[in-house]
């Protein structure tokens, strides 16, 4: 596959959204992320674990990247893509960069994350990768309305 179609991205984001709602029902923050191979094979789909673990670094993207590295038994994911319900924060973007993920796809933009009272540190994913001189392809807006609703219906308390 190597270049997923819009239909693939919508299907994968739908799975991420389902996982995000599962996380909300489990008392977690409304974020989810998945790792797929560039061939379209699912590796993992995770939701935010910050509330459960008490660790502020357990964002959905970090959980998904960690699990994918465990499952694939390696520390780089250069043949994978990250699908996230919301634009990755600088921490998540850094970890995606460190694991050499070549493509990041997200739903809700940083402005919606801010609107739901979750912080972004004022640095969007695009800006982060631009400043890091990364060649990663970043694409937003996949099921953006549905992903935004996940956040806006579950604002930070």
C-alpha atoms as a PDB file:
ATOM      1  CA  UNK A   1       0.000   0.000   0.000  1.00  0.00           C
ATOM      2  CA  UNK A   2       2.598   2.612   1.188  1.00  0.00           C
ATOM      3  CA  UNK A   3       0.265   5.500   0.302  1.00  0.00           C
ATOM      4  CA  UNK A   4      -3.049   4.990   2.091  1.00  0.00           C
ATOM      5  CA  UNK A   5      -6.186   6.294   0.458  1.00  0.00           C
ATOM      6  CA  UNK A   6      -8.574   8.776   2.042  1.00  0.00           C
ATOM      7  CA  UNK A   7     -10.915   5.820   2.654  1.00  0.00           C
ATOM      8  CA  UNK A   8      -8.133   3.996   4.549  1.00  0.00           C
ATOM      9  CA  UNK A   9      -7.452   7.038   6.704  1.00  0.00           C
ATOM     10  CA  UNK A  10     -11.153   7.460   7.499  1.00  0.00           C
ATOM     11  CA  UNK A  11     -11.440   3.771   8.433  1.00  0.00           C
ATOM     12  CA  UNK A  12      -8.387   3.966  10.678  1.00  0.00           C
ATOM     13  CA  UNK A  13      -9.492   7.239  12.286  1.00  0.00           C
ATOM     14  CA  UNK A  14     -12.885   5.654  12.966  1.00  0.00           C
ATOM     15  CA  UNK A  15     -11.114   2.933  14.958  1.00  0.00           C
ATOM     16  CA  UNK A  16      -9.159   5.612  16.837  1.00  0.00           C
ATOM     17  CA  UNK A  17     -12.396   7.465  17.644  1.00  0.00           C
ATOM     18  CA  UNK A  18     -13.964   4.279  19.002  1.00  0.00           C
ATOM     19  CA  UNK A  19     -10.912   3.812  21.222  1.00  0.00           C
ATOM     20  CA  UNK A  20     -11.156   7.447  22.376  1.00  0.00           C
ATOM     21  CA  UNK A  21     -14.758   6.976  23.471  1.00  0.00           C
ATOM     22  CA  UNK A  22     -13.742   3.734  25.211  1.00  0.00           C
ATOM     23  CA  UNK A  23     -11.119   5.729  27.107  1.00  0.00           C
ATOM     24  CA  UNK A  24     -13.663   8.368  28.126  1.00  0.00           C
ATOM     25  CA  UNK A  25     -15.955   5.611  29.463  1.00  0.00           C
ATOM     26  CA  UNK A  26     -12.950   4.324  31.451  1.00  0.00           C
ATOM     27  CA  UNK A  27     -12.417   7.786  33.005  1.00  0.00           C
ATOM     28  CA  UNK A  28      -9.532   8.889  30.785  1.00  0.00           C
ATOM     29  CA  UNK A  29      -8.936  12.099  28.848  1.00  0.00           C
ATOM     30  CA  UNK A  30     -10.554  12.090  25.371  1.00  0.00           C
ATOM     31  CA  UNK A  31      -7.563  11.224  23.210  1.00  0.00           C
ATOM     32  CA  UNK A  32      -6.657   8.083  21.269  1.00  0.00           C
ATOM     33  CA  UNK A  33      -4.010   7.054  18.751  1.00  0.00           C
ATOM     34  CA  UNK A  34      -3.053   4.107  16.603  1.00  0.00           C
ATOM     35  CA  UNK A  35      -0.033   2.820  14.745  1.00  0.00           C
ATOM     36  CA  UNK A  36      -0.503   1.221  11.327  1.00  0.00           C
ATOM     37  CA  UNK A  37       2.188  -0.104   9.030  1.00  0.00           C
ATOM     38  CA  UNK A  38       2.574   1.666   5.717  1.00  0.00           C
ATOM     39  CA  UNK A  39       1.108  -1.520   4.230  1.00  0.00           C
ATOM     40  CA  UNK A  40      -2.109  -0.862   6.179  1.00  0.00           C
ATOM     41  CA  UNK A  41      -1.713  -3.494   8.885  1.00  0.00           C
ATOM     42  CA  UNK A  42      -2.879  -2.372  12.353  1.00  0.00           C
ATOM     43  CA  UNK A  43      -0.214  -2.610  15.047  1.00  0.00           C
ATOM     44  CA  UNK A  44      -1.958  -1.054  18.051  1.00  0.00           C
ATOM     45  CA  UNK A  45      -4.669   1.398  19.086  1.00  0.00           C
ATOM     46  CA  UNK A  46      -4.519   3.014  22.529  1.00  0.00           C
ATOM     47  CA  UNK A  47      -6.285   5.667  24.559  1.00  0.00           C
ATOM     48  CA  UNK A  48      -4.845   8.221  26.965  1.00  0.00           C
ATOM     49  CA  UNK A  49      -3.709   6.664  30.275  1.00  0.00           C
ATOM     50  CA  UNK A  50      -2.805   9.800  32.257  1.00  0.00           C
ATOM     51  CA  UNK A  51      -5.647   9.541  34.788  1.00  0.00           C
ATOM     52  CA  UNK A  52      -5.268   5.791  35.323  1.00  0.00           C
ATOM     53  CA  UNK A  53      -1.501   5.836  35.811  1.00  0.00           C
ATOM     54  CA  UNK A  54      -1.007   9.286  37.334  1.00  0.00           C
ATOM     55  CA  UNK A  55       1.818   9.805  34.809  1.00  0.00           C
ATOM     56  CA  UNK A  56       1.475  12.971  32.723  1.00  0.00           C
ATOM     57  CA  UNK A  57       3.469  11.423  29.872  1.00  0.00           C
ATOM     58  CA  UNK A  58       0.960   8.644  29.159  1.00  0.00           C
ATOM     59  CA  UNK A  59      -0.670  10.436  26.249  1.00  0.00           C
ATOM     60  CA  UNK A  60      -2.421   8.202  23.713  1.00  0.00           C
ATOM     61  CA  UNK A  61       0.305   8.750  21.111  1.00  0.00           C
ATOM     62  CA  UNK A  62       3.040   7.794  23.578  1.00  0.00           C
ATOM     63  CA  UNK A  63       1.102   4.701  24.649  1.00  0.00           C
ATOM     64  CA  UNK A  64       0.590   3.662  21.014  1.00  0.00           C
ATOM     65  CA  UNK A  65       4.236   4.253  20.062  1.00  0.00           C
ATOM     66  CA  UNK A  66       5.490   2.394  23.137  1.00  0.00           C
ATOM     67  CA  UNK A  67       3.164  -0.552  22.484  1.00  0.00           C
ATOM     68  CA  UNK A  68       4.108  -0.680  18.786  1.00  0.00           C
ATOM     69  CA  UNK A  69       7.820  -0.720  19.638  1.00  0.00           C
ATOM     70  CA  UNK A  70       7.180  -3.533  22.140  1.00  0.00           C
ATOM     71  CA  UNK A  71       5.121  -5.565  19.673  1.00  0.00           C
ATOM     72  CA  UNK A  72       7.523  -5.052  16.777  1.00  0.00           C
ATOM     73  CA  UNK A  73      10.548  -5.504  19.083  1.00  0.00           C
ATOM     74  CA  UNK A  74      12.380  -2.407  17.862  1.00  0.00           C
ATOM     75  CA  UNK A  75      12.759   1.275  18.675  1.00  0.00           C
ATOM     76  CA  UNK A  76      12.109   2.756  15.249  1.00  0.00           C
ATOM     77  CA  UNK A  77       8.853   2.869  13.325  1.00  0.00           C
ATOM     78  CA  UNK A  78      10.012   4.195   9.966  1.00  0.00           C
ATOM     79  CA  UNK A  79       7.609   1.842   8.177  1.00  0.00           C
ATOM     80  CA  UNK A  80       4.566   2.952  10.183  1.00  0.00           C
ATOM     81  CA  UNK A  81       2.199   5.861  10.499  1.00  0.00           C
ATOM     82  CA  UNK A  82       0.623   7.458  13.547  1.00  0.00           C
ATOM     83  CA  UNK A  83      -3.109   8.140  13.492  1.00  0.00           C
ATOM     84  CA  UNK A  84      -4.204  10.468  16.310  1.00  0.00           C
ATOM     85  CA  UNK A  85      -7.615  11.813  17.269  1.00  0.00           C
ATOM     86  CA  UNK A  86      -6.039  15.227  17.869  1.00  0.00           C
ATOM     87  CA  UNK A  87      -2.973  17.130  16.731  1.00  0.00           C
ATOM     88  CA  UNK A  88      -0.013  15.715  18.685  1.00  0.00           C
ATOM     89  CA  UNK A  89       1.484  17.931  21.383  1.00  0.00           C
ATOM     90  CA  UNK A  90       5.218  18.734  21.319  1.00  0.00           C
ATOM     91  CA  UNK A  91       6.044  15.741  23.569  1.00  0.00           C
ATOM     92  CA  UNK A  92       4.160  13.304  21.342  1.00  0.00           C
ATOM     93  CA  UNK A  93       5.575  14.881  18.187  1.00  0.00           C
ATOM     94  CA  UNK A  94       9.089  14.526  19.612  1.00  0.00           C
ATOM     95  CA  UNK A  95       8.579  10.836  20.346  1.00  0.00           C
ATOM     96  CA  UNK A  96       7.146  10.291  16.865  1.00  0.00           C
ATOM     97  CA  UNK A  97      10.229  12.014  15.478  1.00  0.00           C
ATOM     98  CA  UNK A  98      12.609  10.005  17.661  1.00  0.00           C
ATOM     99  CA  UNK A  99      11.049   6.764  16.418  1.00  0.00           C
ATOM    100  CA  UNK A 100      11.302   8.002  12.803  1.00  0.00           C
ATOM    101  CA  UNK A 101       7.578   7.793  12.032  1.00  0.00           C
ATOM    102  CA  UNK A 102       7.352   9.218   8.491  1.00  0.00           C
ATOM    103  CA  UNK A 103       3.667  10.179   8.521  1.00  0.00           C
ATOM    104  CA  UNK A 104       1.310  11.570  11.146  1.00  0.00           C
ATOM    105  CA  UNK A 105      -2.417  11.895  10.539  1.00  0.00           C
ATOM    106  CA  UNK A 106      -4.708  13.622  13.016  1.00  0.00           C
ATOM    107  CA  UNK A 107      -8.325  14.689  13.395  1.00  0.00           C
ATOM    108  CA  UNK A 108      -8.928  17.686  15.679  1.00  0.00           C
ATOM    109  CA  UNK A 109      -6.514  20.628  15.364  1.00  0.00           C
ATOM    110  CA  UNK A 110      -4.644  22.254  18.246  1.00  0.00           C
ATOM    111  CA  UNK A 111      -7.171  25.110  18.473  1.00  0.00           C
ATOM    112  CA  UNK A 112      -9.898  22.598  19.434  1.00  0.00           C
ATOM    113  CA  UNK A 113      -7.595  21.028  22.030  1.00  0.00           C
ATOM    114  CA  UNK A 114      -7.177  24.510  23.535  1.00  0.00           C
ATOM    115  CA  UNK A 115     -10.933  25.166  23.328  1.00  0.00           C
ATOM    116  CA  UNK A 116     -11.530  21.998  25.389  1.00  0.00           C
ATOM    117  CA  UNK A 117      -9.020  23.338  27.976  1.00  0.00           C
ATOM    118  CA  UNK A 118      -6.273  20.814  27.256  1.00  0.00           C
ATOM    119  CA  UNK A 119      -2.922  22.514  26.739  1.00  0.00           C
ATOM    120  CA  UNK A 120      -0.722  22.418  23.664  1.00  0.00           C
ATOM    121  CA  UNK A 121       2.113  24.626  24.942  1.00  0.00           C
ATOM    122  CA  UNK A 122       1.353  26.884  21.979  1.00  0.00           C
ATOM    123  CA  UNK A 123       3.393  24.770  19.568  1.00  0.00           C
ATOM    124  CA  UNK A 124       1.491  22.829  16.939  1.00  0.00           C
ATOM    125  CA  UNK A 125       2.716  19.627  15.368  1.00  0.00           C
ATOM    126  CA  UNK A 126       3.484  21.309  12.040  1.00  0.00           C
ATOM    127  CA  UNK A 127       5.585  23.995  13.739  1.00  0.00           C
ATOM    128  CA  UNK A 128       7.398  21.417  15.833  1.00  0.00           C
ATOM    129  CA  UNK A 129       8.415  19.339  12.819  1.00  0.00           C
ATOM    130  CA  UNK A 130       9.330  22.447  10.819  1.00  0.00           C
ATOM    131  CA  UNK A 131      11.688  23.579  13.586  1.00  0.00           C
ATOM    132  CA  UNK A 132      13.145  20.063  13.819  1.00  0.00           C
ATOM    133  CA  UNK A 133      13.815  20.045  10.045  1.00  0.00           C
ATOM    134  CA  UNK A 134      11.872  16.802   9.791  1.00  0.00           C
ATOM    135  CA  UNK A 135      10.605  15.398   6.540  1.00  0.00           C
ATOM    136  CA  UNK A 136       7.622  13.707   8.210  1.00  0.00           C
ATOM    137  CA  UNK A 137       4.369  14.174   6.333  1.00  0.00           C
ATOM    138  CA  UNK A 138       1.705  15.658   8.617  1.00  0.00           C
ATOM    139  CA  UNK A 139      -1.938  15.631   7.599  1.00  0.00           C
ATOM    140  CA  UNK A 140      -4.776  17.013   9.676  1.00  0.00           C
ATOM    141  CA  UNK A 141      -8.508  17.116   9.326  1.00  0.00           C
ATOM    142  CA  UNK A 142      -9.396  13.427   8.972  1.00  0.00           C
ATOM    143  CA  UNK A 143     -12.849  13.123  10.599  1.00  0.00           C
ATOM    144  CA  UNK A 144     -12.087  16.498  12.196  1.00  0.00           C
ATOM    145  CA  UNK A 145     -15.689  17.176  13.258  1.00  0.00           C
ATOM    146  CA  UNK A 146     -16.060  13.806  14.980  1.00  0.00           C
ATOM    147  CA  UNK A 147     -12.656  14.117  16.644  1.00  0.00           C
ATOM    148  CA  UNK A 148     -13.467  17.661  17.773  1.00  0.00           C
ATOM    149  CA  UNK A 149     -16.726  16.439  19.317  1.00  0.00           C
ATOM    150  CA  UNK A 150     -14.813  13.817  21.306  1.00  0.00           C
ATOM    151  CA  UNK A 151     -12.801  16.647  22.862  1.00  0.00           C
ATOM    152  CA  UNK A 152     -15.514  19.261  23.208  1.00  0.00           C
ATOM    153  CA  UNK A 153     -18.002  16.876  24.796  1.00  0.00           C
ATOM    154  CA  UNK A 154     -15.344  15.868  27.336  1.00  0.00           C
ATOM    155  CA  UNK A 155     -13.486  19.066  28.308  1.00  0.00           C
ATOM    156  CA  UNK A 156     -10.790  19.065  30.961  1.00  0.00           C
ATOM    157  CA  UNK A 157     -12.219  19.231  34.456  1.00  0.00           C
END
